[in-house]
């Protein structure tokens, strides 16, 4: 595996992906939850404002991981943009695009946790 500058931050990204792929309206009260997942995946990385490719060597190993992360961000940011920041968590999880978030997060999680 490529040595990364911020392995702890990568751990947060992997944890965020885990939440996004497993959280349900019935489990929104658990910790970490949707707020933490969005914080770790979007707010801490600024991937909503800059290219995830800039994170190669920092938190991501290669272009394949960048592609996987971008695949998660596209539906996630679309849901967040459409619903805004104040909806209760179950509303995000019931959004018609949420299955895309779940599937892409599972794919990215599998890739980022492989050796």
PDB file of N, CA and C in Angstrom:
ATOM      1  N   UNK A   1       0.844  -1.186   0.000  1.00  0.00           N
ATOM      2  CA  UNK A   1       0.000   0.000   0.000  1.00  0.00           C
ATOM      3  C   UNK A   1       0.880   1.237   0.000  1.00  0.00           C
ATOM      4  N   UNK A   2       0.460   2.248  -0.713  1.00  0.00           N
ATOM      5  CA  UNK A   2       1.168   3.517  -0.762  1.00  0.00           C
ATOM      6  C   UNK A   2       1.119   4.186   0.603  1.00  0.00           C
ATOM      7  N   UNK A   3       2.256   4.724   1.030  1.00  0.00           N
ATOM      8  CA  UNK A   3       2.322   5.468   2.287  1.00  0.00           C
ATOM      9  C   UNK A   3       1.582   6.792   2.116  1.00  0.00           C
ATOM     10  N   UNK A   4       0.697   7.090   3.034  1.00  0.00           N
ATOM     11  CA  UNK A   4      -0.108   8.300   2.941  1.00  0.00           C
ATOM     12  C   UNK A   4       0.292   9.299   4.015  1.00  0.00           C
ATOM     13  N   UNK A   5       0.124  10.570   3.701  1.00  0.00           N
ATOM     14  CA  UNK A   5       0.451  11.648   4.639  1.00  0.00           C
ATOM     15  C   UNK A   5      -0.526  11.730   5.804  1.00  0.00           C
ATOM     16  N   UNK A   6      -1.793  11.373   5.565  1.00  0.00           N
ATOM     17  CA  UNK A   6      -2.832  11.534   6.592  1.00  0.00           C
ATOM     18  C   UNK A   6      -3.648  10.245   6.757  1.00  0.00           C
ATOM     19  N   UNK A   7      -3.022   9.192   7.277  1.00  0.00           N
ATOM     20  CA  UNK A   7      -3.759   7.937   7.425  1.00  0.00           C
ATOM     21  C   UNK A   7      -4.941   8.050   8.390  1.00  0.00           C
ATOM     22  N   UNK A   8      -4.846   8.898   9.401  1.00  0.00           N
ATOM     23  CA  UNK A   8      -5.970   9.068  10.329  1.00  0.00           C
ATOM     24  C   UNK A   8      -7.166   9.707   9.628  1.00  0.00           C
ATOM     25  N   UNK A   9      -6.901  10.687   8.793  1.00  0.00           N
ATOM     26  CA  UNK A   9      -7.981  11.324   8.023  1.00  0.00           C
ATOM     27  C   UNK A   9      -8.598  10.311   7.064  1.00  0.00           C
ATOM     28  N   UNK A  10      -7.770   9.452   6.483  1.00  0.00           N
ATOM     29  CA  UNK A  10      -8.283   8.388   5.623  1.00  0.00           C
ATOM     30  C   UNK A  10      -9.216   7.484   6.429  1.00  0.00           C
ATOM     31  N   UNK A  11      -8.847   7.214   7.671  1.00  0.00           N
ATOM     32  CA  UNK A  11      -9.715   6.421   8.539  1.00  0.00           C
ATOM     33  C   UNK A  11     -11.071   7.072   8.717  1.00  0.00           C
ATOM     34  N   UNK A  12     -11.090   8.389   8.868  1.00  0.00           N
ATOM     35  CA  UNK A  12     -12.368   9.114   8.976  1.00  0.00           C
ATOM     36  C   UNK A  12     -13.186   8.964   7.695  1.00  0.00           C
ATOM     37  N   UNK A  13     -12.524   9.015   6.546  1.00  0.00           N
ATOM     38  CA  UNK A  13     -13.212   8.864   5.263  1.00  0.00           C
ATOM     39  C   UNK A  13     -13.818   7.464   5.157  1.00  0.00           C
ATOM     40  N   UNK A  14     -13.065   6.475   5.550  1.00  0.00           N
ATOM     41  CA  UNK A  14     -13.568   5.096   5.522  1.00  0.00           C
ATOM     42  C   UNK A  14     -14.742   4.948   6.479  1.00  0.00           C
ATOM     43  N   UNK A  15     -14.635   5.552   7.666  1.00  0.00           N
ATOM     44  CA  UNK A  15     -15.758   5.512   8.614  1.00  0.00           C
ATOM     45  C   UNK A  15     -16.991   6.201   8.026  1.00  0.00           C
ATOM     46  N   UNK A  16     -16.783   7.319   7.343  1.00  0.00           N
ATOM     47  CA  UNK A  16     -17.907   8.032   6.714  1.00  0.00           C
ATOM     48  C   UNK A  16     -18.577   7.154   5.666  1.00  0.00           C
ATOM     49  N   UNK A  17     -17.785   6.483   4.861  1.00  0.00           N
ATOM     50  CA  UNK A  17     -18.342   5.596   3.845  1.00  0.00           C
ATOM     51  C   UNK A  17     -19.137   4.464   4.491  1.00  0.00           C
ATOM     52  N   UNK A  18     -18.628   3.948   5.597  1.00  0.00           N
ATOM     53  CA  UNK A  18     -19.339   2.891   6.320  1.00  0.00           C
ATOM     54  C   UNK A  18     -20.710   3.381   6.782  1.00  0.00           C
ATOM     55  N   UNK A  19     -20.745   4.576   7.330  1.00  0.00           N
ATOM     56  CA  UNK A  19     -22.024   5.139   7.771  1.00  0.00           C
ATOM     57  C   UNK A  19     -22.964   5.294   6.588  1.00  0.00           C
ATOM     58  N   UNK A  20     -22.477   5.881   5.505  1.00  0.00           N
ATOM     59  CA  UNK A  20     -23.335   6.143   4.352  1.00  0.00           C
ATOM     60  C   UNK A  20     -23.899   4.865   3.736  1.00  0.00           C
ATOM     61  N   UNK A  21     -23.150   3.785   3.824  1.00  0.00           N
ATOM     62  CA  UNK A  21     -23.632   2.542   3.212  1.00  0.00           C
ATOM     63  C   UNK A  21     -24.522   1.736   4.143  1.00  0.00           C
ATOM     64  N   UNK A  22     -24.519   2.049   5.443  1.00  0.00           N
ATOM     65  CA  UNK A  22     -25.275   1.225   6.391  1.00  0.00           C
ATOM     66  C   UNK A  22     -26.395   1.946   7.129  1.00  0.00           C
ATOM     67  N   UNK A  23     -26.355   3.259   7.182  1.00  0.00           N
ATOM     68  CA  UNK A  23     -27.358   3.989   7.965  1.00  0.00           C
ATOM     69  C   UNK A  23     -28.738   3.839   7.324  1.00  0.00           C
ATOM     70  N   UNK A  24     -29.730   3.733   8.167  1.00  0.00           N
ATOM     71  CA  UNK A  24     -31.121   3.633   7.727  1.00  0.00           C
ATOM     72  C   UNK A  24     -31.956   4.607   8.556  1.00  0.00           C
ATOM     73  N   UNK A  25     -33.181   4.881   8.131  1.00  0.00           N
ATOM     74  CA  UNK A  25     -34.026   5.754   8.952  1.00  0.00           C
ATOM     75  C   UNK A  25     -34.201   5.219  10.383  1.00  0.00           C
ATOM     76  N   UNK A  26     -34.101   3.912  10.538  1.00  0.00           N
ATOM     77  CA  UNK A  26     -34.263   3.320  11.867  1.00  0.00           C
ATOM     78  C   UNK A  26     -33.005   3.406  12.727  1.00  0.00           C
ATOM     79  N   UNK A  27     -31.862   3.685  12.110  1.00  0.00           N
ATOM     80  CA  UNK A  27     -30.607   3.729  12.865  1.00  0.00           C
ATOM     81  C   UNK A  27     -29.980   5.118  12.907  1.00  0.00           C
ATOM     82  N   UNK A  28     -30.746   6.149  12.611  1.00  0.00           N
ATOM     83  CA  UNK A  28     -30.162   7.499  12.543  1.00  0.00           C
ATOM     84  C   UNK A  28     -29.670   8.017  13.884  1.00  0.00           C
ATOM     85  N   UNK A  29     -30.099   7.425  14.962  1.00  0.00           N
ATOM     86  CA  UNK A  29     -29.685   7.906  16.283  1.00  0.00           C
ATOM     87  C   UNK A  29     -28.320   7.379  16.705  1.00  0.00           C
ATOM     88  N   UNK A  30     -27.759   6.464  15.957  1.00  0.00           N
ATOM     89  CA  UNK A  30     -26.451   5.904  16.335  1.00  0.00           C
ATOM     90  C   UNK A  30     -25.339   6.926  16.119  1.00  0.00           C
ATOM     91  N   UNK A  31     -24.194   6.649  16.708  1.00  0.00           N
ATOM     92  CA  UNK A  31     -23.007   7.466  16.481  1.00  0.00           C
ATOM     93  C   UNK A  31     -21.917   6.572  15.954  1.00  0.00           C
ATOM     94  N   UNK A  32     -21.151   6.947  14.966  1.00  0.00           N
ATOM     95  CA  UNK A  32     -21.350   8.176  14.202  1.00  0.00           C
ATOM     96  C   UNK A  32     -22.584   8.077  13.319  1.00  0.00           C
ATOM     97  N   UNK A  33     -23.114   9.235  13.025  1.00  0.00           N
ATOM     98  CA  UNK A  33     -24.322   9.303  12.227  1.00  0.00           C
ATOM     99  C   UNK A  33     -24.094  10.053  10.928  1.00  0.00           C
ATOM    100  N   UNK A  34     -25.193  10.460  10.338  1.00  0.00           N
ATOM    101  CA  UNK A  34     -25.135  11.137   9.046  1.00  0.00           C
ATOM    102  C   UNK A  34     -24.356  12.454   9.128  1.00  0.00           C
ATOM    103  N   UNK A  35     -24.563  13.209  10.180  1.00  0.00           N
ATOM    104  CA  UNK A  35     -23.853  14.484  10.328  1.00  0.00           C
ATOM    105  C   UNK A  35     -22.347  14.270  10.337  1.00  0.00           C
ATOM    106  N   UNK A  36     -21.902  13.291  11.108  1.00  0.00           N
ATOM    107  CA  UNK A  36     -20.457  13.018  11.188  1.00  0.00           C
ATOM    108  C   UNK A  36     -19.932  12.533   9.838  1.00  0.00           C
ATOM    109  N   UNK A  37     -20.696  11.666   9.176  1.00  0.00           N
ATOM    110  CA  UNK A  37     -20.258  11.147   7.883  1.00  0.00           C
ATOM    111  C   UNK A  37     -20.080  12.275   6.865  1.00  0.00           C
ATOM    112  N   UNK A  38     -21.047  13.158   6.797  1.00  0.00           N
ATOM    113  CA  UNK A  38     -20.938  14.290   5.864  1.00  0.00           C
ATOM    114  C   UNK A  38     -19.774  15.190   6.260  1.00  0.00           C
ATOM    115  N   UNK A  39     -19.616  15.415   7.545  1.00  0.00           N
ATOM    116  CA  UNK A  39     -18.512  16.249   8.015  1.00  0.00           C
ATOM    117  C   UNK A  39     -17.168  15.656   7.586  1.00  0.00           C
ATOM    118  N   UNK A  40     -16.973  14.358   7.837  1.00  0.00           N
ATOM    119  CA  UNK A  40     -15.696  13.717   7.511  1.00  0.00           C
ATOM    120  C   UNK A  40     -15.455  13.633   6.006  1.00  0.00           C
ATOM    121  N   UNK A  41     -16.508  13.356   5.242  1.00  0.00           N
ATOM    122  CA  UNK A  41     -16.331  13.142   3.811  1.00  0.00           C
ATOM    123  C   UNK A  41     -16.341  14.435   2.997  1.00  0.00           C
ATOM    124  N   UNK A  42     -17.043  15.442   3.467  1.00  0.00           N
ATOM    125  CA  UNK A  42     -17.182  16.670   2.677  1.00  0.00           C
ATOM    126  C   UNK A  42     -16.488  17.854   3.362  1.00  0.00           C
ATOM    127  N   UNK A  43     -16.874  18.149   4.581  1.00  0.00           N
ATOM    128  CA  UNK A  43     -16.350  19.344   5.250  1.00  0.00           C
ATOM    129  C   UNK A  43     -14.846  19.261   5.521  1.00  0.00           C
ATOM    130  N   UNK A  44     -14.383  18.106   6.006  1.00  0.00           N
ATOM    131  CA  UNK A  44     -12.964  17.959   6.339  1.00  0.00           C
ATOM    132  C   UNK A  44     -12.066  17.862   5.115  1.00  0.00           C
ATOM    133  N   UNK A  45     -12.613  17.421   3.999  1.00  0.00           N
ATOM    134  CA  UNK A  45     -11.798  17.226   2.791  1.00  0.00           C
ATOM    135  C   UNK A  45     -11.920  18.371   1.791  1.00  0.00           C
ATOM    136  N   UNK A  46     -12.998  19.134   1.895  1.00  0.00           N
ATOM    137  CA  UNK A  46     -13.311  20.204   0.943  1.00  0.00           C
ATOM    138  C   UNK A  46     -13.550  19.661  -0.458  1.00  0.00           C
ATOM    139  N   UNK A  47     -13.937  18.374  -0.559  1.00  0.00           N
ATOM    140  CA  UNK A  47     -14.168  17.769  -1.870  1.00  0.00           C
ATOM    141  C   UNK A  47     -15.399  18.313  -2.558  1.00  0.00           C
ATOM    142  N   UNK A  48     -16.176  19.101  -1.868  1.00  0.00           N
ATOM    143  CA  UNK A  48     -17.278  19.795  -2.538  1.00  0.00           C
ATOM    144  C   UNK A  48     -16.779  21.057  -3.232  1.00  0.00           C
ATOM    145  N   UNK A  49     -15.542  21.464  -2.933  1.00  0.00           N
ATOM    146  CA  UNK A  49     -14.984  22.687  -3.483  1.00  0.00           C
ATOM    147  C   UNK A  49     -13.708  22.468  -4.295  1.00  0.00           C
ATOM    148  N   UNK A  50     -13.082  21.324  -4.102  1.00  0.00           N
ATOM    149  CA  UNK A  50     -11.841  21.057  -4.835  1.00  0.00           C
ATOM    150  C   UNK A  50     -11.807  19.611  -5.300  1.00  0.00           C
ATOM    151  N   UNK A  51     -10.961  19.348  -6.233  1.00  0.00           N
ATOM    152  CA  UNK A  51     -10.870  18.029  -6.857  1.00  0.00           C
ATOM    153  C   UNK A  51     -10.265  17.019  -5.884  1.00  0.00           C
ATOM    154  N   UNK A  52     -10.924  15.892  -5.742  1.00  0.00           N
ATOM    155  CA  UNK A  52     -10.422  14.828  -4.863  1.00  0.00           C
ATOM    156  C   UNK A  52      -9.054  14.324  -5.317  1.00  0.00           C
ATOM    157  N   UNK A  53      -8.717  14.508  -6.587  1.00  0.00           N
ATOM    158  CA  UNK A  53      -7.410  14.080  -7.091  1.00  0.00           C
ATOM    159  C   UNK A  53      -6.266  14.783  -6.368  1.00  0.00           C
ATOM    160  N   UNK A  54      -6.530  15.959  -5.825  1.00  0.00           N
ATOM    161  CA  UNK A  54      -5.503  16.669  -5.063  1.00  0.00           C
ATOM    162  C   UNK A  54      -5.148  15.935  -3.774  1.00  0.00           C
ATOM    163  N   UNK A  55      -5.938  14.949  -3.403  1.00  0.00           N
ATOM    164  CA  UNK A  55      -5.713  14.201  -2.168  1.00  0.00           C
ATOM    165  C   UNK A  55      -4.894  12.930  -2.367  1.00  0.00           C
ATOM    166  N   UNK A  56      -4.478  12.652  -3.598  1.00  0.00           N
ATOM    167  CA  UNK A  56      -3.614  11.495  -3.828  1.00  0.00           C
ATOM    168  C   UNK A  56      -2.310  11.716  -3.070  1.00  0.00           C
ATOM    169  N   UNK A  57      -1.955  10.704  -2.292  1.00  0.00           N
ATOM    170  CA  UNK A  57      -0.761  10.791  -1.461  1.00  0.00           C
ATOM    171  C   UNK A  57      -1.052  11.322  -0.069  1.00  0.00           C
ATOM    172  N   UNK A  58      -2.166  11.996   0.072  1.00  0.00           N
ATOM    173  CA  UNK A  58      -2.568  12.547   1.367  1.00  0.00           C
ATOM    174  C   UNK A  58      -3.540  11.575   2.059  1.00  0.00           C
ATOM    175  N   UNK A  59      -4.710  11.375   1.440  1.00  0.00           N
ATOM    176  CA  UNK A  59      -5.698  10.446   1.992  1.00  0.00           C
ATOM    177  C   UNK A  59      -6.118   9.368   0.994  1.00  0.00           C
ATOM    178  N   UNK A  60      -5.848   9.591  -0.263  1.00  0.00           N
ATOM    179  CA  UNK A  60      -6.203   8.636  -1.306  1.00  0.00           C
ATOM    180  C   UNK A  60      -4.938   8.112  -1.968  1.00  0.00           C
ATOM    181  N   UNK A  61      -5.006   6.834  -2.383  1.00  0.00           N
ATOM    182  CA  UNK A  61      -3.814   6.196  -2.949  1.00  0.00           C
ATOM    183  C   UNK A  61      -3.620   6.480  -4.429  1.00  0.00           C
ATOM    184  N   UNK A  62      -4.714   6.542  -5.205  1.00  0.00           N
ATOM    185  CA  UNK A  62      -4.544   6.605  -6.653  1.00  0.00           C
ATOM    186  C   UNK A  62      -5.823   7.104  -7.329  1.00  0.00           C
ATOM    187  N   UNK A  63      -5.768   7.172  -8.649  1.00  0.00           N
ATOM    188  CA  UNK A  63      -6.905   7.658  -9.437  1.00  0.00           C
ATOM    189  C   UNK A  63      -8.135   6.770  -9.285  1.00  0.00           C
ATOM    190  N   UNK A  64      -7.938   5.484  -9.083  1.00  0.00           N
ATOM    191  CA  UNK A  64      -9.072   4.579  -8.898  1.00  0.00           C
ATOM    192  C   UNK A  64      -9.857   4.973  -7.642  1.00  0.00           C
ATOM    193  N   UNK A  65      -9.160   5.311  -6.577  1.00  0.00           N
ATOM    194  CA  UNK A  65      -9.837   5.767  -5.363  1.00  0.00           C
ATOM    195  C   UNK A  65     -10.500   7.118  -5.582  1.00  0.00           C
ATOM    196  N   UNK A  66      -9.857   7.993  -6.315  1.00  0.00           N
ATOM    197  CA  UNK A  66     -10.455   9.295  -6.635  1.00  0.00           C
ATOM    198  C   UNK A  66     -11.778   9.088  -7.369  1.00  0.00           C
ATOM    199  N   UNK A  67     -11.785   8.224  -8.355  1.00  0.00           N
ATOM    200  CA  UNK A  67     -13.001   7.945  -9.113  1.00  0.00           C
ATOM    201  C   UNK A  67     -14.098   7.410  -8.209  1.00  0.00           C
ATOM    202  N   UNK A  68     -13.741   6.527  -7.298  1.00  0.00           N
ATOM    203  CA  UNK A  68     -14.727   5.955  -6.374  1.00  0.00           C
ATOM    204  C   UNK A  68     -15.307   7.025  -5.448  1.00  0.00           C
ATOM    205  N   UNK A  69     -14.456   7.901  -4.955  1.00  0.00           N
ATOM    206  CA  UNK A  69     -14.923   8.982  -4.071  1.00  0.00           C
ATOM    207  C   UNK A  69     -15.819   9.949  -4.846  1.00  0.00           C
ATOM    208  N   UNK A  70     -15.440  10.294  -6.058  1.00  0.00           N
ATOM    209  CA  UNK A  70     -16.270  11.188  -6.871  1.00  0.00           C
ATOM    210  C   UNK A  70     -17.632  10.564  -7.147  1.00  0.00           C
ATOM    211  N   UNK A  71     -17.654   9.240  -7.288  1.00  0.00           N
ATOM    212  CA  UNK A  71     -18.928   8.545  -7.518  1.00  0.00           C
ATOM    213  C   UNK A  71     -19.846   8.657  -6.310  1.00  0.00           C
ATOM    214  N   UNK A  72     -19.285   8.720  -5.116  1.00  0.00           N
ATOM    215  CA  UNK A  72     -20.082   8.912  -3.895  1.00  0.00           C
ATOM    216  C   UNK A  72     -20.534  10.360  -3.780  1.00  0.00           C
ATOM    217  N   UNK A  73     -19.619  11.261  -4.035  1.00  0.00           N
ATOM    218  CA  UNK A  73     -19.915  12.680  -3.854  1.00  0.00           C
ATOM    219  C   UNK A  73     -21.032  13.175  -4.766  1.00  0.00           C
ATOM    220  N   UNK A  74     -21.092  12.681  -5.983  1.00  0.00           N
ATOM    221  CA  UNK A  74     -22.101  13.188  -6.928  1.00  0.00           C
ATOM    222  C   UNK A  74     -23.525  13.022  -6.383  1.00  0.00           C
ATOM    223  N   UNK A  75     -23.965  11.818  -6.013  1.00  0.00           N
ATOM    224  CA  UNK A  75     -25.327  11.715  -5.495  1.00  0.00           C
ATOM    225  C   UNK A  75     -25.480  12.306  -4.097  1.00  0.00           C
ATOM    226  N   UNK A  76     -24.451  12.193  -3.268  1.00  0.00           N
ATOM    227  CA  UNK A  76     -24.543  12.737  -1.912  1.00  0.00           C
ATOM    228  C   UNK A  76     -24.733  14.247  -1.950  1.00  0.00           C
ATOM    229  N   UNK A  77     -23.909  14.938  -2.715  1.00  0.00           N
ATOM    230  CA  UNK A  77     -24.028  16.398  -2.795  1.00  0.00           C
ATOM    231  C   UNK A  77     -25.337  16.815  -3.448  1.00  0.00           C
ATOM    232  N   UNK A  78     -25.819  16.030  -4.406  1.00  0.00           N
ATOM    233  CA  UNK A  78     -27.107  16.346  -5.034  1.00  0.00           C
ATOM    234  C   UNK A  78     -28.238  16.267  -4.000  1.00  0.00           C
ATOM    235  N   UNK A  79     -28.224  15.243  -3.164  1.00  0.00           N
ATOM    236  CA  UNK A  79     -29.245  15.112  -2.113  1.00  0.00           C
ATOM    237  C   UNK A  79     -29.128  16.271  -1.133  1.00  0.00           C
ATOM    238  N   UNK A  80     -27.918  16.569  -0.701  1.00  0.00           N
ATOM    239  CA  UNK A  80     -27.710  17.655   0.264  1.00  0.00           C
ATOM    240  C   UNK A  80     -28.135  18.997  -0.325  1.00  0.00           C
ATOM    241  N   UNK A  81     -27.798  19.229  -1.570  1.00  0.00           N
ATOM    242  CA  UNK A  81     -28.179  20.485  -2.226  1.00  0.00           C
ATOM    243  C   UNK A  81     -29.694  20.603  -2.366  1.00  0.00           C
ATOM    244  N   UNK A  82     -30.338  19.508  -2.711  1.00  0.00           N
ATOM    245  CA  UNK A  82     -31.783  19.546  -2.918  1.00  0.00           C
ATOM    246  C   UNK A  82     -32.546  19.753  -1.615  1.00  0.00           C
ATOM    247  N   UNK A  83     -32.120  19.087  -0.560  1.00  0.00           N
ATOM    248  CA  UNK A  83     -32.863  19.159   0.702  1.00  0.00           C
ATOM    249  C   UNK A  83     -32.382  20.270   1.630  1.00  0.00           C
ATOM    250  N   UNK A  84     -31.167  20.753   1.433  1.00  0.00           N
ATOM    251  CA  UNK A  84     -30.645  21.790   2.314  1.00  0.00           C
ATOM    252  C   UNK A  84     -30.131  21.209   3.619  1.00  0.00           C
ATOM    253  N   UNK A  85     -29.659  22.079   4.513  1.00  0.00           N
ATOM    254  CA  UNK A  85     -28.967  21.604   5.710  1.00  0.00           C
ATOM    255  C   UNK A  85     -29.835  21.336   6.940  1.00  0.00           C
ATOM    256  N   UNK A  86     -31.134  21.558   6.867  1.00  0.00           N
ATOM    257  CA  UNK A  86     -31.912  21.495   8.112  1.00  0.00           C
ATOM    258  C   UNK A  86     -32.961  20.389   8.172  1.00  0.00           C
ATOM    259  N   UNK A  87     -33.030  19.548   7.164  1.00  0.00           N
ATOM    260  CA  UNK A  87     -33.999  18.452   7.196  1.00  0.00           C
ATOM    261  C   UNK A  87     -33.587  17.423   8.252  1.00  0.00           C
ATOM    262  N   UNK A  88     -34.559  16.752   8.837  1.00  0.00           N
ATOM    263  CA  UNK A  88     -34.200  15.653   9.743  1.00  0.00           C
ATOM    264  C   UNK A  88     -33.512  14.541   8.947  1.00  0.00           C
ATOM    265  N   UNK A  89     -32.599  13.839   9.577  1.00  0.00           N
ATOM    266  CA  UNK A  89     -31.812  12.824   8.881  1.00  0.00           C
ATOM    267  C   UNK A  89     -32.650  11.824   8.078  1.00  0.00           C
ATOM    268  N   UNK A  90     -33.763  11.324   8.605  1.00  0.00           N
ATOM    269  CA  UNK A  90     -34.534  10.359   7.810  1.00  0.00           C
ATOM    270  C   UNK A  90     -34.978  10.902   6.444  1.00  0.00           C
ATOM    271  N   UNK A  91     -35.151  12.197   6.310  1.00  0.00           N
ATOM    272  CA  UNK A  91     -35.553  12.767   5.019  1.00  0.00           C
ATOM    273  C   UNK A  91     -34.472  12.541   3.964  1.00  0.00           C
ATOM    274  N   UNK A  92     -33.213  12.674   4.353  1.00  0.00           N
ATOM    275  CA  UNK A  92     -32.116  12.431   3.413  1.00  0.00           C
ATOM    276  C   UNK A  92     -32.096  10.958   3.001  1.00  0.00           C
ATOM    277  N   UNK A  93     -32.313  10.096   3.980  1.00  0.00           N
ATOM    278  CA  UNK A  93     -32.232   8.658   3.735  1.00  0.00           C
ATOM    279  C   UNK A  93     -33.412   8.138   2.925  1.00  0.00           C
ATOM    280  N   UNK A  94     -34.484   8.890   2.896  1.00  0.00           N
ATOM    281  CA  UNK A  94     -35.652   8.504   2.096  1.00  0.00           C
ATOM    282  C   UNK A  94     -35.671   9.173   0.716  1.00  0.00           C
ATOM    283  N   UNK A  95     -34.695  10.009   0.454  1.00  0.00           N
ATOM    284  CA  UNK A  95     -34.610  10.688  -0.834  1.00  0.00           C
ATOM    285  C   UNK A  95     -34.451   9.638  -1.942  1.00  0.00           C
ATOM    286  N   UNK A  96     -35.081   9.854  -3.098  1.00  0.00           N
ATOM    287  CA  UNK A  96     -34.990   8.869  -4.185  1.00  0.00           C
ATOM    288  C   UNK A  96     -33.559   8.571  -4.648  1.00  0.00           C
ATOM    289  N   UNK A  97     -32.643   9.489  -4.437  1.00  0.00           N
ATOM    290  CA  UNK A  97     -31.248   9.255  -4.844  1.00  0.00           C
ATOM    291  C   UNK A  97     -30.409   8.588  -3.764  1.00  0.00           C
ATOM    292  N   UNK A  98     -30.981   8.378  -2.571  1.00  0.00           N
ATOM    293  CA  UNK A  98     -30.170   7.796  -1.496  1.00  0.00           C
ATOM    294  C   UNK A  98     -29.639   6.402  -1.833  1.00  0.00           C
ATOM    295  N   UNK A  99     -30.393   5.551  -2.526  1.00  0.00           N
ATOM    296  CA  UNK A  99     -29.806   4.254  -2.888  1.00  0.00           C
ATOM    297  C   UNK A  99     -28.504   4.384  -3.684  1.00  0.00           C
ATOM    298  N   UNK A 100     -28.388   5.432  -4.497  1.00  0.00           N
ATOM    299  CA  UNK A 100     -27.134   5.668  -5.224  1.00  0.00           C
ATOM    300  C   UNK A 100     -26.012   6.024  -4.256  1.00  0.00           C
ATOM    301  N   UNK A 101     -26.323   6.818  -3.234  1.00  0.00           N
ATOM    302  CA  UNK A 101     -25.327   7.149  -2.211  1.00  0.00           C
ATOM    303  C   UNK A 101     -24.865   5.863  -1.533  1.00  0.00           C
ATOM    304  N   UNK A 102     -25.811   5.044  -1.125  1.00  0.00           N
ATOM    305  CA  UNK A 102     -25.497   3.799  -0.416  1.00  0.00           C
ATOM    306  C   UNK A 102     -24.624   2.870  -1.268  1.00  0.00           C
ATOM    307  N   UNK A 103     -24.999   2.690  -2.531  1.00  0.00           N
ATOM    308  CA  UNK A 103     -24.267   1.775  -3.413  1.00  0.00           C
ATOM    309  C   UNK A 103     -22.859   2.277  -3.700  1.00  0.00           C
ATOM    310  N   UNK A 104     -22.730   3.555  -4.029  1.00  0.00           N
ATOM    311  CA  UNK A 104     -21.407   4.101  -4.344  1.00  0.00           C
ATOM    312  C   UNK A 104     -20.522   4.146  -3.106  1.00  0.00           C
ATOM    313  N   UNK A 105     -21.115   4.403  -1.942  1.00  0.00           N
ATOM    314  CA  UNK A 105     -20.335   4.384  -0.704  1.00  0.00           C
ATOM    315  C   UNK A 105     -19.821   2.983  -0.416  1.00  0.00           C
ATOM    316  N   UNK A 106     -20.648   1.976  -0.641  1.00  0.00           N
ATOM    317  CA  UNK A 106     -20.216   0.582  -0.423  1.00  0.00           C
ATOM    318  C   UNK A 106     -19.073   0.226  -1.374  1.00  0.00           C
ATOM    319  N   UNK A 107     -19.185   0.651  -2.625  1.00  0.00           N
ATOM    320  CA  UNK A 107     -18.116   0.382  -3.596  1.00  0.00           C
ATOM    321  C   UNK A 107     -16.823   1.076  -3.189  1.00  0.00           C
ATOM    322  N   UNK A 108     -16.914   2.321  -2.795  1.00  0.00           N
ATOM    323  CA  UNK A 108     -15.724   3.072  -2.383  1.00  0.00           C
ATOM    324  C   UNK A 108     -15.132   2.478  -1.106  1.00  0.00           C
ATOM    325  N   UNK A 109     -15.976   2.107  -0.167  1.00  0.00           N
ATOM    326  CA  UNK A 109     -15.510   1.498   1.080  1.00  0.00           C
ATOM    327  C   UNK A 109     -14.726   0.232   0.784  1.00  0.00           C
ATOM    328  N   UNK A 110     -15.273  -0.602  -0.079  1.00  0.00           N
ATOM    329  CA  UNK A 110     -14.604  -1.862  -0.445  1.00  0.00           C
ATOM    330  C   UNK A 110     -13.224  -1.567  -1.048  1.00  0.00           C
ATOM    331  N   UNK A 111     -13.146  -0.580  -1.916  1.00  0.00           N
ATOM    332  CA  UNK A 111     -11.873  -0.237  -2.559  1.00  0.00           C
ATOM    333  C   UNK A 111     -10.879   0.338  -1.557  1.00  0.00           C
ATOM    334  N   UNK A 112     -11.327   1.285  -0.743  1.00  0.00           N
ATOM    335  CA  UNK A 112     -10.395   1.933   0.187  1.00  0.00           C
ATOM    336  C   UNK A 112      -9.927   1.017   1.306  1.00  0.00           C
ATOM    337  N   UNK A 113     -10.665  -0.031   1.581  1.00  0.00           N
ATOM    338  CA  UNK A 113     -10.257  -0.954   2.652  1.00  0.00           C
ATOM    339  C   UNK A 113      -9.527  -2.187   2.118  1.00  0.00           C
ATOM    340  N   UNK A 114      -9.403  -2.297   0.794  1.00  0.00           N
ATOM    341  CA  UNK A 114      -8.656  -3.424   0.237  1.00  0.00           C
ATOM    342  C   UNK A 114      -7.171  -3.117   0.341  1.00  0.00           C
ATOM    343  N   UNK A 115      -6.380  -4.167   0.397  1.00  0.00           N
ATOM    344  CA  UNK A 115      -4.935  -3.949   0.523  1.00  0.00           C
ATOM    345  C   UNK A 115      -4.222  -4.054  -0.789  1.00  0.00           C
TER     346      UNK A 115
END
